[in-house]
Amino acid sequence: MTAVPAPGNWRGALARRNPAAKLAAALLFSLPLIATLDPVAPALAIVVELAVLPFAGVRPLTLLRRAAPLLLSIAGLLVTVLLFAADRSGTVLLAAGPVTLTTGVLETALGLTLRVVAIALPGLIVLATTDPTDLADALIQNARFSPRFAIGALAAFRLVPLLTDEWRTLAAARRARGVDAGRNPVAAIRIFTSTAFALLVGAIRRGVRLATAMDARGFDAGIPRTVARRQVFGYRDAALMIAAVALSAAALTVSALAGTFRPVF
């Protein structure tokens, strides 16, 4: 359960907004950034996202910890673009054998990595400030999602932490049986692949059992469901969504005025 600050505290003001409104605002703010490849628009978006952290009640270290997998994927993306980008236009900055680093490649890599961060951060902030049960309730009541989809997504979200524990259990069981890669990278990849496959099989089996149990309890009966926790959508929630659109449009406008706007198509 996510702790939400008291209503009188400005810290966490965004955390108190309707979960569906927060999710919609995150999408409305981040998705327009896909339209450009330049680094200016996503950089401005990241500045805005970091500026709203105090209002969301999220500590920077907490956000950094949650974004650790994202940072690893960004590092891989950056290396891939620098090594294999097709467009090598611009001034040559470094030439080492088959690798040629130019200003065009650097700008493309910077734009892609910043865009990934700018698109992912709003979702991380929403997840860090929203209880999954409240989000499912808001999707059903305010966004008119199907209860089968919303409650199924809630159940899947609740089961995600179990995957980490099951991975540790599988790894410990393999080590107990003497299956260890040591310093052999090939063996490490083989063990990782087999462990991931075992985890996938276990997740599928658990999902089938969960779906059967939910159907047995009438989650797909087609009968209108009552509401236990009312999620109110007010004018502040609408204002949050409007502000998200305005800030995203402002970032794209500044990029266009600066002459750095690079449309995807």
C-alpha atoms as a PDB file:
ATOM      1  CA  MET A   1       0.000   0.000   0.000  1.00  0.00           C
ATOM      2  CA  THR A   2       1.439   3.367  -1.027  1.00  0.00           C
ATOM      3  CA  ALA A   3       1.498   5.940   1.735  1.00  0.00           C
ATOM      4  CA  VAL A   4      -0.156   9.173   0.593  1.00  0.00           C
ATOM      5  CA  PRO A   5       0.590  12.427   2.446  1.00  0.00           C
ATOM      6  CA  ALA A   6      -2.111  14.267   4.328  1.00  0.00           C
ATOM      7  CA  PRO A   7      -4.357  16.546   2.223  1.00  0.00           C
ATOM      8  CA  GLY A   8      -2.928  19.674   3.794  1.00  0.00           C
ATOM      9  CA  ASN A   9       0.604  18.933   2.655  1.00  0.00           C
ATOM     10  CA  TRP A  10       1.635  20.226  -0.791  1.00  0.00           C
ATOM     11  CA  ARG A  11       4.176  17.418  -0.985  1.00  0.00           C
ATOM     12  CA  GLY A  12       2.315  14.579  -2.640  1.00  0.00           C
ATOM     13  CA  ALA A  13      -0.395  16.776  -4.142  1.00  0.00           C
ATOM     14  CA  LEU A  14      -0.111  14.837  -7.394  1.00  0.00           C
ATOM     15  CA  ALA A  15      -0.170  11.529  -5.526  1.00  0.00           C
ATOM     16  CA  ARG A  16      -3.670  12.371  -4.263  1.00  0.00           C
ATOM     17  CA  ARG A  17      -5.105  12.757  -7.750  1.00  0.00           C
ATOM     18  CA  ASN A  18      -7.345  10.140  -9.299  1.00  0.00           C
ATOM     19  CA  PRO A  19      -5.260   7.118 -10.423  1.00  0.00           C
ATOM     20  CA  ALA A  20      -6.876   7.039 -13.868  1.00  0.00           C
ATOM     21  CA  ALA A  21      -6.195  10.770 -14.284  1.00  0.00           C
ATOM     22  CA  LYS A  22      -2.547  10.298 -13.324  1.00  0.00           C
ATOM     23  CA  LEU A  23      -2.161   7.462 -15.813  1.00  0.00           C
ATOM     24  CA  ALA A  24      -3.871   9.466 -18.560  1.00  0.00           C
ATOM     25  CA  ALA A  25      -1.714  12.510 -17.794  1.00  0.00           C
ATOM     26  CA  ALA A  26       1.442  10.393 -18.011  1.00  0.00           C
ATOM     27  CA  LEU A  27       0.382   9.080 -21.425  1.00  0.00           C
ATOM     28  CA  LEU A  28      -0.673  12.504 -22.705  1.00  0.00           C
ATOM     29  CA  PHE A  29       2.627  14.019 -21.598  1.00  0.00           C
ATOM     30  CA  SER A  30       4.998  11.336 -22.856  1.00  0.00           C
ATOM     31  CA  LEU A  31       3.461   9.956 -26.066  1.00  0.00           C
ATOM     32  CA  PRO A  32       3.801  13.202 -28.121  1.00  0.00           C
ATOM     33  CA  LEU A  33       7.562  12.989 -27.549  1.00  0.00           C
ATOM     34  CA  ILE A  34       7.629  10.057 -29.974  1.00  0.00           C
ATOM     35  CA  ALA A  35       7.063  12.545 -32.803  1.00  0.00           C
ATOM     36  CA  THR A  36      10.633  13.889 -32.723  1.00  0.00           C
ATOM     37  CA  LEU A  37      14.163  12.486 -32.654  1.00  0.00           C
ATOM     38  CA  ASP A  38      15.905  15.608 -31.363  1.00  0.00           C
ATOM     39  CA  PRO A  39      17.375  15.729 -27.832  1.00  0.00           C
ATOM     40  CA  VAL A  40      15.907  19.136 -26.884  1.00  0.00           C
ATOM     41  CA  ALA A  41      12.239  18.169 -26.456  1.00  0.00           C
ATOM     42  CA  PRO A  42      12.860  15.073 -24.287  1.00  0.00           C
ATOM     43  CA  ALA A  43      15.483  16.957 -22.265  1.00  0.00           C
ATOM     44  CA  LEU A  44      12.915  19.650 -21.450  1.00  0.00           C
ATOM     45  CA  ALA A  45      10.379  16.932 -20.614  1.00  0.00           C
ATOM     46  CA  ILE A  46      12.826  15.297 -18.195  1.00  0.00           C
ATOM     47  CA  VAL A  47      13.392  18.647 -16.484  1.00  0.00           C
ATOM     48  CA  VAL A  48       9.631  19.015 -16.015  1.00  0.00           C
ATOM     49  CA  GLU A  49       9.315  15.451 -14.705  1.00  0.00           C
ATOM     50  CA  LEU A  50      12.086  15.947 -12.164  1.00  0.00           C
ATOM     51  CA  ALA A  51      10.559  19.278 -11.116  1.00  0.00           C
ATOM     52  CA  VAL A  52       7.235  17.619 -10.212  1.00  0.00           C
ATOM     53  CA  LEU A  53       8.843  14.945  -8.025  1.00  0.00           C
ATOM     54  CA  PRO A  54       8.309  16.949  -4.787  1.00  0.00           C
ATOM     55  CA  PHE A  55       4.617  17.379  -5.689  1.00  0.00           C
ATOM     56  CA  ALA A  56       4.348  13.640  -6.301  1.00  0.00           C
ATOM     57  CA  GLY A  57       5.959  12.826  -2.965  1.00  0.00           C
ATOM     58  CA  VAL A  58       8.610  10.635  -4.606  1.00  0.00           C
ATOM     59  CA  ARG A  59      12.184  10.815  -3.351  1.00  0.00           C
ATOM     60  CA  PRO A  60      14.901  10.968  -6.031  1.00  0.00           C
ATOM     61  CA  LEU A  61      16.695   7.921  -4.582  1.00  0.00           C
ATOM     62  CA  THR A  62      13.454   5.936  -4.656  1.00  0.00           C
ATOM     63  CA  LEU A  63      12.891   6.869  -8.288  1.00  0.00           C
ATOM     64  CA  LEU A  64      16.491   5.999  -9.139  1.00  0.00           C
ATOM     65  CA  ARG A  65      16.125   2.574  -7.531  1.00  0.00           C
ATOM     66  CA  ARG A  66      12.935   1.875  -9.456  1.00  0.00           C
ATOM     67  CA  ALA A  67      14.553   3.059 -12.688  1.00  0.00           C
ATOM     68  CA  ALA A  68      17.614   0.794 -12.380  1.00  0.00           C
ATOM     69  CA  PRO A  69      16.414  -1.704 -15.054  1.00  0.00           C
ATOM     70  CA  LEU A  70      15.564   1.219 -17.313  1.00  0.00           C
ATOM     71  CA  LEU A  71      19.059   2.665 -16.944  1.00  0.00           C
ATOM     72  CA  LEU A  72      20.612  -0.677 -17.893  1.00  0.00           C
ATOM     73  CA  SER A  73      18.500  -0.890 -21.040  1.00  0.00           C
ATOM     74  CA  ILE A  74      19.371   2.698 -21.919  1.00  0.00           C
ATOM     75  CA  ALA A  75      23.078   1.915 -21.632  1.00  0.00           C
ATOM     76  CA  GLY A  76      22.635  -0.984 -24.043  1.00  0.00           C
ATOM     77  CA  LEU A  77      20.652   1.211 -26.437  1.00  0.00           C
ATOM     78  CA  LEU A  78      23.323   3.903 -26.336  1.00  0.00           C
ATOM     79  CA  VAL A  79      26.128   1.451 -27.141  1.00  0.00           C
ATOM     80  CA  THR A  80      24.092  -0.136 -29.948  1.00  0.00           C
ATOM     81  CA  VAL A  81      23.357   3.195 -31.623  1.00  0.00           C
ATOM     82  CA  LEU A  82      26.938   4.402 -31.316  1.00  0.00           C
ATOM     83  CA  LEU A  83      28.299   1.221 -32.885  1.00  0.00           C
ATOM     84  CA  PHE A  84      25.687   0.342 -35.509  1.00  0.00           C
ATOM     85  CA  ALA A  85      23.932   3.578 -36.528  1.00  0.00           C
ATOM     86  CA  ALA A  86      23.530   3.775 -40.317  1.00  0.00           C
ATOM     87  CA  ASP A  87      23.681   7.579 -40.512  1.00  0.00           C
ATOM     88  CA  ARG A  88      27.300   8.687 -40.008  1.00  0.00           C
ATOM     89  CA  SER A  89      26.839  12.288 -41.129  1.00  0.00           C
ATOM     90  CA  GLY A  90      28.436  15.258 -39.428  1.00  0.00           C
ATOM     91  CA  THR A  91      31.903  15.955 -38.127  1.00  0.00           C
ATOM     92  CA  VAL A  92      34.033  12.931 -37.290  1.00  0.00           C
ATOM     93  CA  LEU A  93      34.861  12.929 -33.572  1.00  0.00           C
ATOM     94  CA  LEU A  94      36.506   9.520 -33.274  1.00  0.00           C
ATOM     95  CA  ALA A  95      37.676   6.917 -35.783  1.00  0.00           C
ATOM     96  CA  ALA A  96      38.887   3.615 -34.345  1.00  0.00           C
ATOM     97  CA  GLY A  97      38.898   0.785 -36.860  1.00  0.00           C
ATOM     98  CA  PRO A  98      35.347   0.007 -37.981  1.00  0.00           C
ATOM     99  CA  VAL A  99      33.860   2.380 -35.397  1.00  0.00           C
ATOM    100  CA  THR A 100      33.339   5.955 -36.556  1.00  0.00           C
ATOM    101  CA  LEU A 101      31.783   8.393 -34.113  1.00  0.00           C
ATOM    102  CA  THR A 102      30.328  11.535 -35.668  1.00  0.00           C
ATOM    103  CA  THR A 103      28.264  14.436 -34.400  1.00  0.00           C
ATOM    104  CA  GLY A 104      25.222  13.057 -36.228  1.00  0.00           C
ATOM    105  CA  VAL A 105      25.533   9.682 -34.511  1.00  0.00           C
ATOM    106  CA  LEU A 106      26.031  11.358 -31.144  1.00  0.00           C
ATOM    107  CA  GLU A 107      22.942  13.528 -31.622  1.00  0.00           C
ATOM    108  CA  THR A 108      20.840  10.518 -32.657  1.00  0.00           C
ATOM    109  CA  ALA A 109      22.025   8.447 -29.696  1.00  0.00           C
ATOM    110  CA  LEU A 110      21.417  11.307 -27.276  1.00  0.00           C
ATOM    111  CA  GLY A 111      17.948  11.939 -28.699  1.00  0.00           C
ATOM    112  CA  LEU A 112      16.928   8.276 -28.457  1.00  0.00           C
ATOM    113  CA  THR A 113      18.194   7.759 -24.911  1.00  0.00           C
ATOM    114  CA  LEU A 114      16.658  10.987 -23.623  1.00  0.00           C
ATOM    115  CA  ARG A 115      13.372  10.137 -25.324  1.00  0.00           C
ATOM    116  CA  VAL A 116      13.263   6.703 -23.659  1.00  0.00           C
ATOM    117  CA  VAL A 117      13.873   8.310 -20.252  1.00  0.00           C
ATOM    118  CA  ALA A 118      11.286  11.050 -20.861  1.00  0.00           C
ATOM    119  CA  ILE A 119       8.648   8.506 -21.896  1.00  0.00           C
ATOM    120  CA  ALA A 120       9.339   6.040 -19.078  1.00  0.00           C
ATOM    121  CA  LEU A 121       9.682   8.437 -16.120  1.00  0.00           C
ATOM    122  CA  PRO A 122       5.999   9.507 -15.951  1.00  0.00           C
ATOM    123  CA  GLY A 123       4.945   5.864 -15.748  1.00  0.00           C
ATOM    124  CA  LEU A 124       7.448   5.201 -12.967  1.00  0.00           C
ATOM    125  CA  ILE A 125       6.173   8.213 -11.027  1.00  0.00           C
ATOM    126  CA  VAL A 126       2.561   7.082 -11.415  1.00  0.00           C
ATOM    127  CA  LEU A 127       3.355   3.551 -10.252  1.00  0.00           C
ATOM    128  CA  ALA A 128       5.343   4.876  -7.284  1.00  0.00           C
ATOM    129  CA  THR A 129       2.429   7.035  -6.085  1.00  0.00           C
ATOM    130  CA  THR A 130      -0.542   4.777  -6.845  1.00  0.00           C
ATOM    131  CA  ASP A 131      -1.899   1.748  -5.069  1.00  0.00           C
ATOM    132  CA  PRO A 132      -2.619  -0.979  -7.654  1.00  0.00           C
ATOM    133  CA  THR A 133      -6.074  -1.663  -6.192  1.00  0.00           C
ATOM    134  CA  ASP A 134      -7.020   2.014  -6.454  1.00  0.00           C
ATOM    135  CA  LEU A 135      -5.776   2.072 -10.042  1.00  0.00           C
ATOM    136  CA  ALA A 136      -7.904  -0.945 -10.963  1.00  0.00           C
ATOM    137  CA  ASP A 137     -10.950   0.644  -9.302  1.00  0.00           C
ATOM    138  CA  ALA A 138     -10.374   3.924 -11.157  1.00  0.00           C
ATOM    139  CA  LEU A 139      -9.957   2.164 -14.505  1.00  0.00           C
ATOM    140  CA  ILE A 140     -13.304   0.422 -13.985  1.00  0.00           C
ATOM    141  CA  GLN A 141     -15.222   3.417 -12.634  1.00  0.00           C
ATOM    142  CA  ASN A 142     -13.715   6.383 -14.471  1.00  0.00           C
ATOM    143  CA  ALA A 143     -12.114   4.970 -17.619  1.00  0.00           C
ATOM    144  CA  ARG A 144     -14.893   2.389 -18.145  1.00  0.00           C
ATOM    145  CA  PHE A 145     -12.469  -0.496 -18.549  1.00  0.00           C
ATOM    146  CA  SER A 146     -13.809  -4.017 -18.435  1.00  0.00           C
ATOM    147  CA  PRO A 147     -13.685  -5.407 -14.868  1.00  0.00           C
ATOM    148  CA  ARG A 148     -12.241  -8.635 -16.278  1.00  0.00           C
ATOM    149  CA  PHE A 149      -9.309  -6.723 -17.791  1.00  0.00           C
ATOM    150  CA  ALA A 150      -8.723  -4.356 -14.857  1.00  0.00           C
ATOM    151  CA  ILE A 151      -8.910  -7.016 -12.139  1.00  0.00           C
ATOM    152  CA  GLY A 152      -6.834  -9.417 -14.225  1.00  0.00           C
ATOM    153  CA  ALA A 153      -4.171  -6.729 -14.679  1.00  0.00           C
ATOM    154  CA  LEU A 154      -4.274  -6.049 -10.932  1.00  0.00           C
ATOM    155  CA  ALA A 155      -3.747  -9.740 -10.168  1.00  0.00           C
ATOM    156  CA  ALA A 156      -0.832  -9.904 -12.616  1.00  0.00           C
ATOM    157  CA  PHE A 157       0.720  -6.782 -11.095  1.00  0.00           C
ATOM    158  CA  ARG A 158       0.439  -8.278  -7.623  1.00  0.00           C
ATOM    159  CA  LEU A 159       2.239 -11.414  -8.798  1.00  0.00           C
ATOM    160  CA  VAL A 160       5.232  -9.567 -10.287  1.00  0.00           C
ATOM    161  CA  PRO A 161       7.197  -9.469  -6.973  1.00  0.00           C
ATOM    162  CA  LEU A 162       6.825 -13.251  -6.754  1.00  0.00           C
ATOM    163  CA  LEU A 163       8.902 -13.628  -9.917  1.00  0.00           C
ATOM    164  CA  THR A 164      11.919 -12.126  -8.155  1.00  0.00           C
ATOM    165  CA  ASP A 165      11.569 -14.501  -5.230  1.00  0.00           C
ATOM    166  CA  GLU A 166      11.086 -17.475  -7.546  1.00  0.00           C
ATOM    167  CA  TRP A 167      14.190 -16.502  -9.535  1.00  0.00           C
ATOM    168  CA  ARG A 168      16.248 -16.504  -6.331  1.00  0.00           C
ATOM    169  CA  THR A 169      14.794 -19.895  -5.382  1.00  0.00           C
ATOM    170  CA  LEU A 170      15.625 -21.412  -8.768  1.00  0.00           C
ATOM    171  CA  ALA A 171      19.167 -20.005  -8.677  1.00  0.00           C
ATOM    172  CA  ALA A 172      19.732 -21.308  -5.131  1.00  0.00           C
ATOM    173  CA  ALA A 173      18.388 -24.749  -6.089  1.00  0.00           C
ATOM    174  CA  ARG A 174      20.745 -24.952  -9.066  1.00  0.00           C
ATOM    175  CA  ARG A 175      23.720 -23.963  -6.928  1.00  0.00           C
ATOM    176  CA  ALA A 176      22.733 -26.574  -4.336  1.00  0.00           C
ATOM    177  CA  ARG A 177      22.860 -29.209  -7.092  1.00  0.00           C
ATOM    178  CA  GLY A 178      26.311 -28.030  -8.138  1.00  0.00           C
ATOM    179  CA  VAL A 179      25.178 -26.174 -11.278  1.00  0.00           C
ATOM    180  CA  ASP A 180      27.426 -23.123 -11.306  1.00  0.00           C
ATOM    181  CA  ALA A 181      28.944 -21.209 -14.210  1.00  0.00           C
ATOM    182  CA  GLY A 182      31.989 -20.028 -12.320  1.00  0.00           C
ATOM    183  CA  ARG A 183      33.930 -17.661 -14.581  1.00  0.00           C
ATOM    184  CA  ASN A 184      32.741 -19.261 -17.823  1.00  0.00           C
ATOM    185  CA  PRO A 185      30.588 -16.677 -19.684  1.00  0.00           C
ATOM    186  CA  VAL A 186      29.142 -19.297 -22.047  1.00  0.00           C
ATOM    187  CA  ALA A 187      28.001 -21.435 -19.119  1.00  0.00           C
ATOM    188  CA  ALA A 188      26.586 -18.334 -17.417  1.00  0.00           C
ATOM    189  CA  ILE A 189      24.475 -17.532 -20.488  1.00  0.00           C
ATOM    190  CA  ARG A 190      23.293 -21.154 -20.698  1.00  0.00           C
ATOM    191  CA  ILE A 191      22.305 -21.226 -17.024  1.00  0.00           C
ATOM    192  CA  PHE A 192      20.586 -17.832 -17.314  1.00  0.00           C
ATOM    193  CA  THR A 193      18.582 -19.028 -20.336  1.00  0.00           C
ATOM    194  CA  SER A 194      17.479 -22.257 -18.677  1.00  0.00           C
ATOM    195  CA  THR A 195      16.540 -20.438 -15.459  1.00  0.00           C
ATOM    196  CA  ALA A 196      14.540 -17.861 -17.398  1.00  0.00           C
ATOM    197  CA  PHE A 197      12.712 -20.639 -19.251  1.00  0.00           C
ATOM    198  CA  ALA A 198      11.873 -22.403 -15.988  1.00  0.00           C
ATOM    199  CA  LEU A 199      10.621 -19.100 -14.572  1.00  0.00           C
ATOM    200  CA  LEU A 200       8.460 -18.559 -17.670  1.00  0.00           C
ATOM    201  CA  VAL A 201       6.926 -22.028 -17.377  1.00  0.00           C
ATOM    202  CA  GLY A 202       6.173 -21.470 -13.698  1.00  0.00           C
ATOM    203  CA  ALA A 203       4.615 -18.063 -14.432  1.00  0.00           C
ATOM    204  CA  ILE A 204       2.349 -19.527 -17.123  1.00  0.00           C
ATOM    205  CA  ARG A 205       1.192 -22.311 -14.820  1.00  0.00           C
ATOM    206  CA  ARG A 206       0.492 -19.844 -12.016  1.00  0.00           C
ATOM    207  CA  GLY A 207      -1.401 -17.596 -14.427  1.00  0.00           C
ATOM    208  CA  VAL A 208      -3.596 -20.475 -15.610  1.00  0.00           C
ATOM    209  CA  ARG A 209      -4.400 -21.450 -12.018  1.00  0.00           C
ATOM    210  CA  LEU A 210      -5.175 -17.842 -11.133  1.00  0.00           C
ATOM    211  CA  ALA A 211      -7.454 -17.402 -14.161  1.00  0.00           C
ATOM    212  CA  THR A 212      -9.331 -20.598 -13.281  1.00  0.00           C
ATOM    213  CA  ALA A 213      -9.735 -19.477  -9.678  1.00  0.00           C
ATOM    214  CA  MET A 214     -11.008 -16.036 -10.750  1.00  0.00           C
ATOM    215  CA  ASP A 215     -13.535 -17.550 -13.150  1.00  0.00           C
ATOM    216  CA  ALA A 216     -14.684 -19.919 -10.396  1.00  0.00           C
ATOM    217  CA  ARG A 217     -15.364 -16.896  -8.193  1.00  0.00           C
ATOM    218  CA  GLY A 218     -17.544 -15.236 -10.827  1.00  0.00           C
ATOM    219  CA  PHE A 219     -15.195 -12.556 -12.174  1.00  0.00           C
ATOM    220  CA  ASP A 220     -16.477 -13.315 -15.682  1.00  0.00           C
ATOM    221  CA  ALA A 221     -20.135 -13.824 -14.824  1.00  0.00           C
ATOM    222  CA  GLY A 222     -21.264 -10.812 -16.875  1.00  0.00           C
ATOM    223  CA  ILE A 223     -23.307  -9.480 -13.946  1.00  0.00           C
ATOM    224  CA  PRO A 224     -22.878  -5.735 -13.164  1.00  0.00           C
ATOM    225  CA  ARG A 225     -20.445  -5.352 -10.272  1.00  0.00           C
ATOM    226  CA  THR A 226     -20.912  -3.081  -7.280  1.00  0.00           C
ATOM    227  CA  VAL A 227     -18.273  -0.595  -6.146  1.00  0.00           C
ATOM    228  CA  ALA A 228     -16.651  -0.913  -2.728  1.00  0.00           C
ATOM    229  CA  ARG A 229     -14.149   1.960  -3.036  1.00  0.00           C
ATOM    230  CA  ARG A 230     -15.426   5.039  -4.850  1.00  0.00           C
ATOM    231  CA  GLN A 231     -12.810   6.824  -7.006  1.00  0.00           C
ATOM    232  CA  VAL A 232     -13.813  10.455  -7.514  1.00  0.00           C
ATOM    233  CA  PHE A 233     -12.758  12.257 -10.700  1.00  0.00           C
ATOM    234  CA  GLY A 234     -12.837  16.010 -10.082  1.00  0.00           C
ATOM    235  CA  TYR A 235     -11.831  19.251 -11.769  1.00  0.00           C
ATOM    236  CA  ARG A 236      -8.287  18.999 -10.379  1.00  0.00           C
ATOM    237  CA  ASP A 237      -7.860  15.682 -12.138  1.00  0.00           C
ATOM    238  CA  ALA A 238      -9.038  17.227 -15.399  1.00  0.00           C
ATOM    239  CA  ALA A 239      -6.654  20.143 -14.821  1.00  0.00           C
ATOM    240  CA  LEU A 240      -3.787  17.677 -14.374  1.00  0.00           C
ATOM    241  CA  MET A 241      -4.513  16.112 -17.768  1.00  0.00           C
ATOM    242  CA  ILE A 242      -4.785  19.536 -19.443  1.00  0.00           C
ATOM    243  CA  ALA A 243      -1.490  20.624 -17.871  1.00  0.00           C
ATOM    244  CA  ALA A 244       0.195  17.450 -19.150  1.00  0.00           C
ATOM    245  CA  VAL A 245      -0.910  18.209 -22.719  1.00  0.00           C
ATOM    246  CA  ALA A 246       0.169  21.849 -22.413  1.00  0.00           C
ATOM    247  CA  LEU A 247       3.629  21.012 -21.048  1.00  0.00           C
ATOM    248  CA  SER A 248       4.244  18.380 -23.711  1.00  0.00           C
ATOM    249  CA  ALA A 249       3.177  20.800 -26.430  1.00  0.00           C
ATOM    250  CA  ALA A 250       5.439  23.476 -24.914  1.00  0.00           C
ATOM    251  CA  ALA A 251       8.460  21.147 -25.064  1.00  0.00           C
ATOM    252  CA  LEU A 252       7.797  20.361 -28.731  1.00  0.00           C
ATOM    253  CA  THR A 253       7.229  24.056 -29.488  1.00  0.00           C
ATOM    254  CA  VAL A 254      10.546  25.064 -27.910  1.00  0.00           C
ATOM    255  CA  SER A 255      12.266  22.367 -29.946  1.00  0.00           C
ATOM    256  CA  ALA A 256      10.667  23.643 -33.152  1.00  0.00           C
ATOM    257  CA  LEU A 257      11.551  27.271 -32.386  1.00  0.00           C
ATOM    258  CA  ALA A 258      15.145  26.277 -31.613  1.00  0.00           C
ATOM    259  CA  GLY A 259      15.389  24.598 -34.998  1.00  0.00           C
ATOM    260  CA  THR A 260      16.217  21.169 -33.576  1.00  0.00           C
ATOM    261  CA  PHE A 261      12.870  19.480 -34.224  1.00  0.00           C
ATOM    262  CA  ARG A 262      13.429  16.257 -36.188  1.00  0.00           C
ATOM    263  CA  PRO A 263      10.125  14.556 -37.046  1.00  0.00           C
ATOM    264  CA  VAL A 264      10.099  10.781 -37.052  1.00  0.00           C
ATOM    265  CA  PHE A 265       8.328  10.658 -40.414  1.00  0.00           C
END
